[in-house]
Protein backbone atom coordinates (compact mmCIF):
# COMPACT_ATOMS: atom_id res chain seq x y z
CA MET A 1 19.84 14.05 -7.67
CA GLU A 2 18.44 10.53 -7.32
CA GLN A 3 14.65 10.19 -7.61
CA ARG A 4 13.40 7.51 -5.22
CA SER A 5 10.10 5.71 -5.64
CA LEU A 6 7.19 6.63 -3.40
CA LEU A 7 7.40 3.28 -1.64
CA GLU A 8 11.09 3.75 -0.85
CA ARG A 9 10.49 7.30 0.39
CA LEU A 10 7.74 6.04 2.71
CA ALA A 11 9.95 3.19 3.98
CA ARG A 12 12.80 5.60 4.64
CA HIS A 13 10.44 7.92 6.50
CA LEU A 14 9.13 5.04 8.64
CA ALA A 15 12.74 4.06 9.43
CA ALA A 16 13.74 7.56 10.52
CA GLY A 17 14.96 6.26 13.89
CA ASN A 18 17.16 3.65 12.18
CA PRO A 19 17.86 4.91 8.62
CA ASP A 20 20.21 2.05 7.71
CA ARG A 21 17.35 -0.43 8.14
CA TRP A 22 14.81 1.28 5.85
CA GLN A 23 14.28 -1.91 3.81
CA ASP A 24 12.77 -3.52 6.92
CA GLN A 25 9.95 -0.97 6.56
CA ILE A 26 8.96 -1.86 2.96
CA GLU A 27 6.07 -4.10 4.09
CA ASP A 28 4.67 -1.38 6.37
CA ALA A 29 5.01 1.22 3.61
CA ALA A 30 3.20 -1.10 1.16
CA SER A 31 0.44 -1.63 3.74
CA LEU A 32 -0.02 2.13 4.05
CA LEU A 33 -0.26 2.51 0.30
CA ALA A 34 -2.79 -0.33 0.11
CA ILE A 35 -4.92 1.47 2.72
CA ILE A 36 -5.04 4.70 0.70
CA LYS A 37 -5.68 2.96 -2.63
CA ASP A 38 -9.39 3.80 -2.53
CA PRO A 39 -9.87 7.58 -2.69
CA ASP A 40 -12.18 9.30 -0.21
CA ASP A 41 -14.99 11.69 -1.16
CA ALA A 42 -12.77 14.79 -1.22
CA MET A 43 -10.24 13.05 -3.45
CA ARG A 44 -12.95 11.82 -5.84
CA GLU A 45 -14.25 15.38 -6.08
CA ALA A 46 -10.79 16.62 -7.03
CA GLY A 47 -10.10 14.06 -9.76
CA ASP A 48 -10.54 10.66 -11.35
CA GLY A 49 -10.40 7.90 -8.72
CA ARG A 50 -9.47 5.28 -11.33
CA ILE A 51 -6.29 7.20 -12.14
CA TRP A 52 -5.44 7.43 -8.43
CA GLN A 53 -5.95 3.66 -8.01
CA ALA A 54 -3.78 2.94 -11.06
CA MET A 55 -1.05 5.17 -9.65
CA ILE A 56 -1.16 3.40 -6.26
CA ASP A 57 -1.05 0.01 -8.02
CA ALA A 58 2.06 1.15 -9.92
CA ALA A 59 3.68 2.28 -6.67
CA LEU A 60 2.85 -1.06 -5.01
CA ARG A 61 4.41 -3.01 -7.88
CA GLU A 62 7.68 -1.18 -7.18
CA ARG A 63 7.89 -3.13 -3.93
CA TRP A 64 9.39 -6.12 -5.73
CA ALA A 65 12.09 -4.01 -7.39
CA ILE A 66 13.08 -2.33 -4.11
CA ALA A 67 13.25 -5.39 -1.86
CA PRO A 68 12.69 -8.60 -3.84
CA THR A 69 13.16 -10.81 -0.79
CA SER A 70 11.52 -10.17 2.53
CA THR A 71 13.77 -9.35 5.47
CA ALA A 72 11.03 -10.03 7.97
CA THR A 73 11.61 -12.78 10.48
CA GLU A 74 7.90 -13.65 10.66
CA PRO A 75 6.00 -15.04 7.67
CA PRO A 76 3.31 -12.74 6.26
CA ALA A 77 -0.09 -13.12 7.90
CA GLY A 78 -2.01 -12.53 4.67
CA THR A 79 -2.18 -10.40 1.58
CA ASP A 80 -3.96 -7.34 0.28
CA GLU A 81 -7.34 -7.66 -1.44
CA GLU A 82 -5.77 -8.55 -4.77
CA GLY A 83 -3.45 -11.14 -3.19
CA GLU A 84 -0.39 -9.29 -4.52
CA ILE A 85 1.15 -7.62 -1.45
CA PRO A 86 1.99 -9.66 1.66
CA LEU A 87 0.83 -8.02 4.88
CA PRO A 88 2.66 -8.38 8.21
CA PRO A 89 0.80 -10.07 11.10
CA ASP A 90 0.24 -6.82 13.03
CA SER A 91 -1.66 -5.25 10.12
CA ILE A 92 -4.41 -7.88 10.10
CA SER A 93 -7.02 -8.27 12.80
CA GLY A 94 -9.45 -11.13 13.33
CA ASN A 95 -12.36 -8.87 12.45
CA HIS A 96 -13.42 -9.59 8.86
CA ALA A 97 -15.33 -6.29 8.76
CA ASP A 98 -11.99 -4.45 8.77
CA TRP A 99 -11.52 -5.47 5.14
CA VAL A 100 -15.01 -4.63 3.90
CA HIS A 101 -15.01 -1.65 1.56
CA LEU A 102 -18.31 -0.15 0.52
CA HIS A 103 -18.37 1.62 -2.82
CA GLU A 104 -21.04 3.83 -4.22
CA ALA A 105 -22.67 2.38 -7.28
CA GLN A 106 -21.09 3.79 -10.41
CA GLU A 107 -23.58 5.14 -12.89
CA LYS A 108 -23.22 4.02 -16.46
CA PRO A 109 -23.37 6.76 -19.10
CA ARG A 110 -26.51 6.69 -21.20
């Protein structure tokens, strides 16, 4: 049985109504992964957030192997925080506060 990457599985799920066009959903799937990159409180309680972020980064890098050229008719409106993943125009609002992420200060071991 073929093991598909997380990004491809998400894209295929998003394209459920039109399964032959799942590659058109790669950008939306990458946007979803970028949104969940920072773990919430419950996730941090369950495990190491740095490992989670590294795993999401690895999944996002798979985007280029799955669909190296964009099939979108519109140019990307911007990129994720790291400038690595193009984001479609409908995923970006004019409100700069949408992209502000507040993090608790990390304590340094003594």
